[in-house]
Amino acid sequence: MSTVRLTPIGSIASVAEPLDDGDDDGGGAAAMSDREAEVYRYATRCGEIASLELAAEQLRLPVPEVFAAVTRLVELHLLCTAGTGDRLVPIDRGTAEALLISPIERAMYQRRELTDRLRDRIDAITRPAAGAAEAAGAGGAAEPAGAIDGLDGVAEIRGLLKLASDTCRHELILLRPSHDEEDLLDELLEPCQSVLERDVPVRILCPHRSRAGFASRARATRQIEDGAQVRTLSQVPQGAVVFDHTLALVLRLGGPAERPTARRVRDQNVVRFLVHLFDQMWEGASPYSPAEPGYAGVVDDLHQSIARLMAQGYTDEVVARRLGMSVRTCRRHIAALLDNLGSVSRFQAGVHAASHFTINTAQREPTGRRAS
């Protein structure tokens, strides 16, 4: 049986061209995607495509359809030629995305940065002098144009994080909140990992919940092994990343059906405020140690937060949501709290717990003052 010589990957038309087929109503495109998926699964199962005729026979598809699907898979970097070009081998999704999408994202954000620099240059030339601004009551020079602007969608946010991470030299600080879509958060923040490879100091704040989940513990342990400092506290209300104390990205993940959005902040007053806020939270947070099981080391802080929310009359569901944990886990901690305080009702427990933690805090303060 003869083999069909395949076009090498470098000579196939660029995927920057539209992937649709003109006036197709969608049905043809869907059928083509199904064929591409079927051919890709076949290549993954067999480890290679050595002959289009053999693949077509085993898939029970016409050779031209298999050839069209293979061509598109090569364009998408899901197949690549091997040896003398007679064989095609499959490429995993992550590698294909890195080969295909990362250069596009990088180019897009390099253009965006160029646009911002040009805008800032024009603004610096046309901005009134400081004396004139004060005379007009403005109080001094304005911040650059575009000091706070918006980003929409995973691609835009990842692109900016990638560009900022590549140029970060002094410190990266990260506020990582709890969120139901942990995979989405991992995808957004993945570009920040490159900073650790260059030995740039990294501080990460995440909720106590991160101590309990297997995936979150593995992630935190890996980050510590790579050189990051990780601490936890009861609540991390908002996601944010600050690069070199000069550029911040504030994240809003939204619900399952919403696209993530972000605000890029270059206003230095706002960035300084975020860094100061982070430093205060950092001082009150508990260092994470991979050797500590579960919530060990933070039980008192966690119970104090639960007691505070219970004293305000919140339900178990609201308390769990505020602390970023499951309702079942939250109720287990509430039961332990009730037992420790000898309370029989939620209200009684809230009052007793609030008094208990207030008294303990008051007792510790004089010792701290004497030590200072």
Protein backbone atom coordinates (compact mmCIF):
# COMPACT_ATOMS: atom_id res chain seq x y z
CA MET A 1 0.00 0.00 0.00
CA SER A 2 1.38 3.38 -0.94
CA THR A 3 1.78 6.29 1.44
CA VAL A 4 0.77 9.87 0.77
CA ARG A 5 3.52 12.45 1.10
CA LEU A 6 2.42 15.18 3.57
CA THR A 7 3.20 18.86 3.40
CA PRO A 8 5.75 19.85 6.09
CA ILE A 9 4.41 22.00 8.89
CA GLY A 10 6.32 25.12 7.93
CA SER A 11 4.81 25.33 4.45
CA ILE A 12 1.15 25.19 5.44
CA ALA A 13 -0.81 28.45 5.41
CA SER A 14 -0.65 30.53 8.57
CA VAL A 15 -3.36 29.97 11.15
CA ALA A 16 -3.60 33.73 11.55
CA GLU A 17 -5.97 33.52 8.59
CA PRO A 18 -9.67 33.01 9.41
CA LEU A 19 -10.54 29.45 10.36
CA ASP A 20 -14.09 29.60 9.01
CA ASP A 21 -15.15 28.63 5.54
CA GLY A 22 -16.68 31.76 4.17
CA ASP A 23 -20.46 31.62 3.98
CA ASP A 24 -20.81 28.24 5.67
CA ASP A 25 -23.84 28.25 7.98
CA GLY A 26 -21.99 26.34 10.71
CA GLY A 27 -23.10 22.81 9.86
CA GLY A 28 -20.15 22.15 7.56
CA ALA A 29 -17.71 23.61 10.05
CA ALA A 30 -19.13 21.42 12.83
CA ALA A 31 -18.81 18.33 10.65
CA MET A 32 -15.21 19.26 9.82
CA SER A 33 -14.40 19.70 13.52
CA ASP A 34 -15.88 16.28 14.22
CA ARG A 35 -13.66 14.73 11.55
CA GLU A 36 -10.61 16.54 12.90
CA ALA A 37 -11.39 15.28 16.40
CA GLU A 38 -11.85 11.75 15.09
CA VAL A 39 -8.54 11.83 13.18
CA TYR A 40 -6.73 13.33 16.20
CA ARG A 41 -8.08 10.59 18.49
CA TYR A 42 -6.95 8.01 15.93
CA ALA A 43 -3.43 9.50 15.86
CA THR A 44 -3.28 9.60 19.65
CA ARG A 45 -4.48 6.01 19.90
CA CYS A 46 -2.04 4.69 17.29
CA GLY A 47 0.85 7.00 18.19
CA GLU A 48 1.25 8.15 14.58
CA ILE A 49 -0.32 8.40 11.13
CA ALA A 50 2.00 6.60 8.73
CA SER A 51 -0.41 6.39 5.82
CA LEU A 52 -3.45 8.49 4.99
CA GLU A 53 -4.93 5.60 3.02
CA LEU A 54 -4.61 3.25 5.97
CA ALA A 55 -6.06 5.86 8.34
CA ALA A 56 -8.96 6.51 5.95
CA GLU A 57 -9.67 2.79 5.67
CA GLN A 58 -9.65 2.22 9.42
CA LEU A 59 -11.73 5.32 10.08
CA ARG A 60 -14.07 4.51 7.17
CA LEU A 61 -13.67 7.98 5.74
CA PRO A 62 -12.72 9.17 2.23
CA VAL A 63 -9.01 9.92 1.80
CA PRO A 64 -9.66 13.59 0.80
CA GLU A 65 -11.59 14.16 4.04
CA VAL A 66 -8.79 12.63 6.12
CA PHE A 67 -6.24 14.75 4.23
CA ALA A 68 -8.27 17.92 4.92
CA ALA A 69 -8.55 17.05 8.62
CA VAL A 70 -4.83 16.26 8.86
CA THR A 71 -3.95 19.55 7.18
CA ARG A 72 -5.98 21.51 9.71
CA LEU A 73 -4.52 19.53 12.62
CA VAL A 74 -1.02 20.36 11.39
CA GLU A 75 -2.00 24.04 11.15
CA LEU A 76 -3.23 23.88 14.75
CA HIS A 77 0.03 22.23 15.86
CA LEU A 78 -1.87 19.15 17.03
CA LEU A 79 0.07 17.01 14.53
CA CYS A 80 3.62 17.42 13.31
CA THR A 81 5.73 15.66 10.73
CA ALA A 82 8.42 13.26 11.90
CA GLY A 83 11.37 11.63 10.20
CA THR A 84 11.44 12.37 6.48
CA GLY A 85 7.93 13.83 6.51
CA ASP A 86 6.09 10.58 5.79
CA ARG A 87 4.81 10.19 9.35
CA LEU A 88 2.67 12.41 11.50
CA VAL A 89 2.77 12.24 15.31
CA PRO A 90 0.26 13.82 17.72
CA ILE A 91 1.11 16.75 19.97
CA ASP A 92 -0.60 17.30 23.34
CA ARG A 93 -2.96 20.21 23.83
CA GLY A 94 -0.71 22.20 26.17
CA THR A 95 2.23 22.12 23.78
CA ALA A 96 0.00 23.02 20.83
CA GLU A 97 -1.41 26.03 22.70
CA ALA A 98 2.08 27.18 23.68
CA LEU A 99 3.31 26.93 20.08
CA LEU A 100 0.28 28.55 18.50
CA ILE A 101 -1.31 30.98 20.96
CA SER A 102 1.56 32.29 23.11
CA PRO A 103 3.32 34.17 20.25
CA ILE A 104 0.01 35.76 19.25
CA GLU A 105 -0.72 36.85 22.84
CA ARG A 106 2.81 38.20 23.25
CA ALA A 107 2.64 40.19 20.01
CA MET A 108 -0.78 41.55 20.94
CA TYR A 109 0.41 42.86 24.28
CA GLN A 110 3.65 44.22 22.95
CA ARG A 111 1.53 46.35 20.62
CA ARG A 112 -0.67 47.35 23.52
CA GLU A 113 2.35 48.40 25.56
CA LEU A 114 3.66 50.39 22.59
CA THR A 115 0.28 52.11 22.33
CA ASP A 116 0.41 53.01 26.02
CA ARG A 117 3.96 54.38 25.75
CA LEU A 118 3.00 56.53 22.78
CA ARG A 119 -0.08 57.77 24.64
CA ASP A 120 2.06 58.61 27.69
CA ARG A 121 4.58 60.45 25.53
CA ILE A 122 1.86 62.55 23.91
CA ASP A 123 0.33 63.19 27.34
CA ALA A 124 3.71 64.30 28.77
CA ILE A 125 4.17 66.79 25.93
CA THR A 126 0.67 68.22 26.00
CA ARG A 127 0.14 68.20 29.79
CA PRO A 128 0.16 71.69 31.39
CA ALA A 129 3.25 72.60 33.41
CA ALA A 130 3.08 71.93 37.15
CA GLY A 131 2.91 75.63 37.98
CA ALA A 132 0.07 76.19 35.55
CA ALA A 133 -1.81 73.22 36.96
CA GLU A 134 -1.47 74.55 40.51
CA ALA A 135 -2.59 77.98 39.37
CA ALA A 136 -5.65 76.38 37.86
CA GLY A 137 -6.33 74.48 41.09
CA ALA A 138 -5.35 71.06 39.72
CA GLY A 139 -2.79 70.46 42.45
CA GLY A 140 0.06 69.17 40.29
CA ALA A 141 0.80 66.89 37.37
CA ALA A 142 -1.75 64.31 36.37
CA GLU A 143 -1.21 60.59 36.13
CA PRO A 144 -0.47 59.18 32.68
CA ALA A 145 -3.41 58.56 30.38
CA GLY A 146 -4.65 55.01 30.72
CA ALA A 147 -3.38 54.77 34.34
CA ILE A 148 -6.33 52.44 35.03
CA ASP A 149 -7.87 50.48 32.19
CA GLY A 150 -9.84 47.29 31.66
CA LEU A 151 -9.11 43.82 30.31
CA ASP A 152 -11.73 41.30 29.27
CA GLY A 153 -11.39 37.55 28.87
CA VAL A 154 -8.77 34.90 29.59
CA ALA A 155 -6.56 35.68 26.57
CA GLU A 156 -6.19 39.39 27.37
CA ILE A 157 -5.51 38.81 31.06
CA ARG A 158 -3.01 36.00 30.46
CA GLY A 159 -1.27 38.08 27.80
CA LEU A 160 -0.70 41.00 30.14
CA LEU A 161 0.38 38.74 33.01
CA LYS A 162 2.86 37.04 30.69
CA LEU A 163 4.33 40.33 29.53
CA ALA A 164 4.52 41.77 33.05
CA SER A 165 6.04 38.55 34.45
CA ASP A 166 8.74 38.55 31.76
CA THR A 167 9.86 42.05 32.81
CA CYS A 168 9.43 41.67 36.60
CA ARG A 169 12.81 42.02 38.35
CA HIS A 170 12.36 43.00 42.03
CA GLU A 171 9.24 41.41 43.57
CA LEU A 172 5.90 39.87 42.67
CA ILE A 173 3.09 39.79 45.23
CA LEU A 174 -0.05 37.77 44.68
CA LEU A 175 -3.44 37.77 46.38
CA ARG A 176 -5.11 34.50 45.41
CA PRO A 177 -8.76 34.28 46.55
CA SER A 178 -10.96 31.23 46.92
CA HIS A 179 -13.08 30.56 43.88
CA ASP A 180 -15.27 27.74 42.62
CA GLU A 181 -13.44 27.85 39.28
CA GLU A 182 -9.97 26.91 40.55
CA ASP A 183 -8.93 25.64 37.11
CA LEU A 184 -9.75 29.04 35.61
CA LEU A 185 -7.72 30.80 38.30
CA ASP A 186 -4.79 28.44 37.66
CA GLU A 187 -5.00 29.17 33.93
CA LEU A 188 -5.03 32.93 34.47
CA LEU A 189 -2.12 32.96 36.93
CA GLU A 190 0.05 30.33 35.21
CA PRO A 191 2.24 32.97 33.41
CA CYS A 192 3.36 34.30 36.82
CA GLN A 193 5.25 31.06 37.50
CA SER A 194 8.04 32.16 35.15
CA VAL A 195 9.11 34.77 37.73
CA LEU A 196 10.23 32.02 40.12
CA GLU A 197 12.57 30.62 37.48
CA ARG A 198 14.58 33.87 37.64
CA ASP A 199 14.84 33.89 41.48
CA VAL A 200 12.66 37.00 41.78
CA PRO A 201 11.16 37.24 45.32
CA VAL A 202 7.51 36.15 45.36
CA ARG A 203 5.01 36.47 48.21
CA ILE A 204 1.62 34.76 47.96
CA LEU A 205 -1.42 35.21 50.21
CA CYS A 206 -4.24 32.68 49.95
CA PRO A 207 -7.14 31.62 52.21
CA HIS A 208 -6.86 28.96 54.91
CA ARG A 209 -8.96 26.75 52.65
CA SER A 210 -5.83 26.21 50.54
CA ARG A 211 -4.41 24.11 53.38
CA ALA A 212 -7.14 21.48 53.05
CA GLY A 213 -7.49 20.68 49.34
CA PHE A 214 -5.09 18.18 47.78
CA ALA A 215 -4.58 20.23 44.58
CA SER A 216 -4.12 23.53 46.45
CA ARG A 217 -1.65 21.95 48.91
CA ALA A 218 0.34 20.47 46.02
CA ARG A 219 0.39 23.87 44.28
CA ALA A 220 1.52 25.72 47.42
CA THR A 221 4.19 23.09 48.14
CA ARG A 222 5.52 23.39 44.59
CA GLN A 223 5.63 27.18 44.85
CA ILE A 224 7.55 27.02 48.13
CA GLU A 225 10.01 24.54 46.63
CA ASP A 226 10.52 26.98 43.74
CA GLY A 227 11.36 29.79 46.18
CA ALA A 228 8.04 31.55 46.92
CA GLN A 229 6.82 32.52 50.39
CA VAL A 230 3.23 31.43 51.05
CA ARG A 231 0.98 32.51 53.91
CA THR A 232 -2.73 32.00 54.58
CA LEU A 233 -5.49 33.92 56.34
CA SER A 234 -9.22 33.48 56.82
CA GLN A 235 -10.38 35.52 53.84
CA VAL A 236 -8.80 36.88 50.67
CA PRO A 237 -11.55 39.11 49.29
CA GLN A 238 -10.09 39.93 45.87
CA GLY A 239 -7.51 38.55 43.48
CA ALA A 240 -4.62 40.83 42.54
CA VAL A 241 -1.04 40.70 41.28
CA VAL A 242 1.51 43.50 41.78
CA PHE A 243 4.76 43.62 39.80
CA ASP A 244 7.78 45.52 41.16
CA HIS A 245 5.49 47.83 43.19
CA THR A 246 4.74 49.73 39.96
CA LEU A 247 2.04 47.77 38.10
CA ALA A 248 -1.02 46.01 39.52
CA LEU A 249 -3.66 43.79 38.00
CA VAL A 250 -6.91 43.45 39.98
CA LEU A 251 -8.94 40.38 38.98
CA ARG A 252 -12.68 39.82 38.91
CA LEU A 253 -13.58 36.22 38.11
CA GLY A 254 -17.38 36.44 38.30
CA GLY A 255 -19.71 33.45 38.08
CA PRO A 256 -19.53 30.28 35.97
CA ALA A 257 -21.22 31.90 32.96
CA GLU A 258 -19.24 35.17 33.15
CA ARG A 259 -16.01 36.07 31.39
CA PRO A 260 -13.21 37.03 33.79
CA THR A 261 -12.26 40.70 33.76
CA ALA A 262 -9.41 42.71 35.25
CA ARG A 263 -8.25 46.26 35.86
CA ARG A 264 -4.68 47.19 35.05
CA VAL A 265 -3.48 49.86 37.47
CA ARG A 266 -0.47 52.09 36.81
CA ASP A 267 -1.56 54.97 39.06
CA GLN A 268 1.29 54.92 41.58
CA ASN A 269 -0.84 56.13 44.48
CA VAL A 270 -3.25 53.22 43.98
CA VAL A 271 -0.41 50.72 43.54
CA ARG A 272 1.27 51.94 46.75
CA PHE A 273 -2.05 51.56 48.58
CA LEU A 274 -2.41 47.96 47.34
CA VAL A 275 1.14 47.11 48.40
CA HIS A 276 0.58 48.68 51.84
CA LEU A 277 -2.69 46.74 52.22
CA PHE A 278 -0.93 43.52 51.21
CA ASP A 279 1.88 44.13 53.73
CA GLN A 280 -0.65 44.56 56.54
CA MET A 281 -2.45 41.36 55.60
CA TRP A 282 0.91 39.58 55.25
CA GLU A 283 1.93 40.48 58.82
CA GLY A 284 -1.29 38.97 60.20
CA ALA A 285 -1.20 35.83 58.06
CA SER A 286 0.10 32.39 59.05
CA PRO A 287 3.10 30.89 57.22
CA TYR A 288 2.22 27.74 55.29
CA SER A 289 4.29 24.62 55.87
CA PRO A 290 3.83 21.54 53.68
CA ALA A 291 4.56 19.39 56.74
CA GLU A 292 1.45 20.62 58.60
CA PRO A 293 -1.70 18.56 57.92
CA GLY A 294 -4.95 20.29 57.01
CA TYR A 295 -5.83 23.34 59.09
CA ALA A 296 -3.16 22.61 61.71
CA GLY A 297 -1.63 25.84 62.98
CA VAL A 298 -4.57 28.05 61.94
CA VAL A 299 -7.50 26.46 63.83
CA ASP A 300 -7.75 29.29 66.38
CA ASP A 301 -7.70 31.97 63.68
CA LEU A 302 -10.25 30.04 61.63
CA HIS A 303 -12.57 29.54 64.63
CA GLN A 304 -12.27 33.21 65.52
CA SER A 305 -13.42 34.14 62.01
CA ILE A 306 -16.29 31.65 62.20
CA ALA A 307 -17.31 33.00 65.61
CA ARG A 308 -17.26 36.57 64.34
CA LEU A 309 -19.55 35.69 61.43
CA MET A 310 -21.85 33.59 63.64
CA ALA A 311 -22.18 36.49 66.10
CA GLN A 312 -23.42 38.60 63.18
CA GLY A 313 -26.22 36.10 62.58
CA TYR A 314 -24.99 34.57 59.30
CA THR A 315 -26.16 31.12 58.26
CA ASP A 316 -23.81 28.18 57.79
CA GLU A 317 -24.00 28.64 54.03
CA VAL A 318 -22.99 32.31 54.20
CA VAL A 319 -20.17 31.61 56.68
CA ALA A 320 -18.84 28.85 54.41
CA ARG A 321 -19.00 31.11 51.36
CA ARG A 322 -17.25 33.97 53.17
CA LEU A 323 -14.43 31.65 54.24
CA GLY A 324 -14.19 29.88 50.90
CA MET A 325 -14.89 26.37 52.21
CA SER A 326 -17.59 23.78 51.71
CA VAL A 327 -20.70 23.92 53.90
CA ARG A 328 -19.89 20.44 55.22
CA THR A 329 -16.39 21.49 56.33
CA CYS A 330 -17.77 24.70 57.83
CA ARG A 331 -20.37 22.79 59.87
CA ARG A 332 -17.67 20.46 61.17
CA HIS A 333 -15.72 23.46 62.46
CA ILE A 334 -18.88 25.00 63.93
CA ALA A 335 -19.60 21.73 65.78
CA ALA A 336 -16.04 21.72 67.19
CA LEU A 337 -16.45 25.35 68.23
CA LEU A 338 -19.77 24.63 69.99
CA ASP A 339 -18.18 21.71 71.80
CA ASN A 340 -15.13 23.70 72.93
CA LEU A 341 -17.27 26.55 74.26
CA GLY A 342 -19.90 24.31 75.86
CA SER A 343 -22.67 26.07 73.94
CA VAL A 344 -26.01 24.57 72.94
CA SER A 345 -27.19 27.10 70.34
CA ARG A 346 -25.68 29.11 67.50
CA PHE A 347 -26.55 32.41 69.16
CA GLN A 348 -25.06 31.35 72.50
CA ALA A 349 -21.94 30.07 70.73
CA GLY A 350 -21.56 33.32 68.82
CA VAL A 351 -21.78 35.42 71.98
CA HIS A 352 -19.49 33.11 73.98
CA ALA A 353 -16.98 32.86 71.18
CA ALA A 354 -16.89 36.60 70.57
CA SER A 355 -16.28 37.20 74.29
CA HIS A 356 -13.72 34.43 74.46
CA PHE A 357 -11.64 35.71 71.56
CA THR A 358 -11.97 39.34 72.69
CA ILE A 359 -10.71 38.43 76.17
CA ASN A 360 -7.81 36.44 74.73
CA THR A 361 -6.86 39.34 72.47
CA ALA A 362 -6.99 41.79 75.36
CA GLN A 363 -4.76 39.50 77.42
CA ARG A 364 -2.14 39.28 74.71
CA GLU A 365 -1.88 43.00 73.98
CA PRO A 366 -0.04 44.08 77.18
CA THR A 367 2.56 41.34 76.64
CA GLY A 368 3.17 42.63 73.13
CA ARG A 369 3.61 46.20 74.39
CA ARG A 370 6.08 45.13 77.08
CA ALA A 371 8.05 43.15 74.52
CA SER A 372 8.34 46.18 72.30
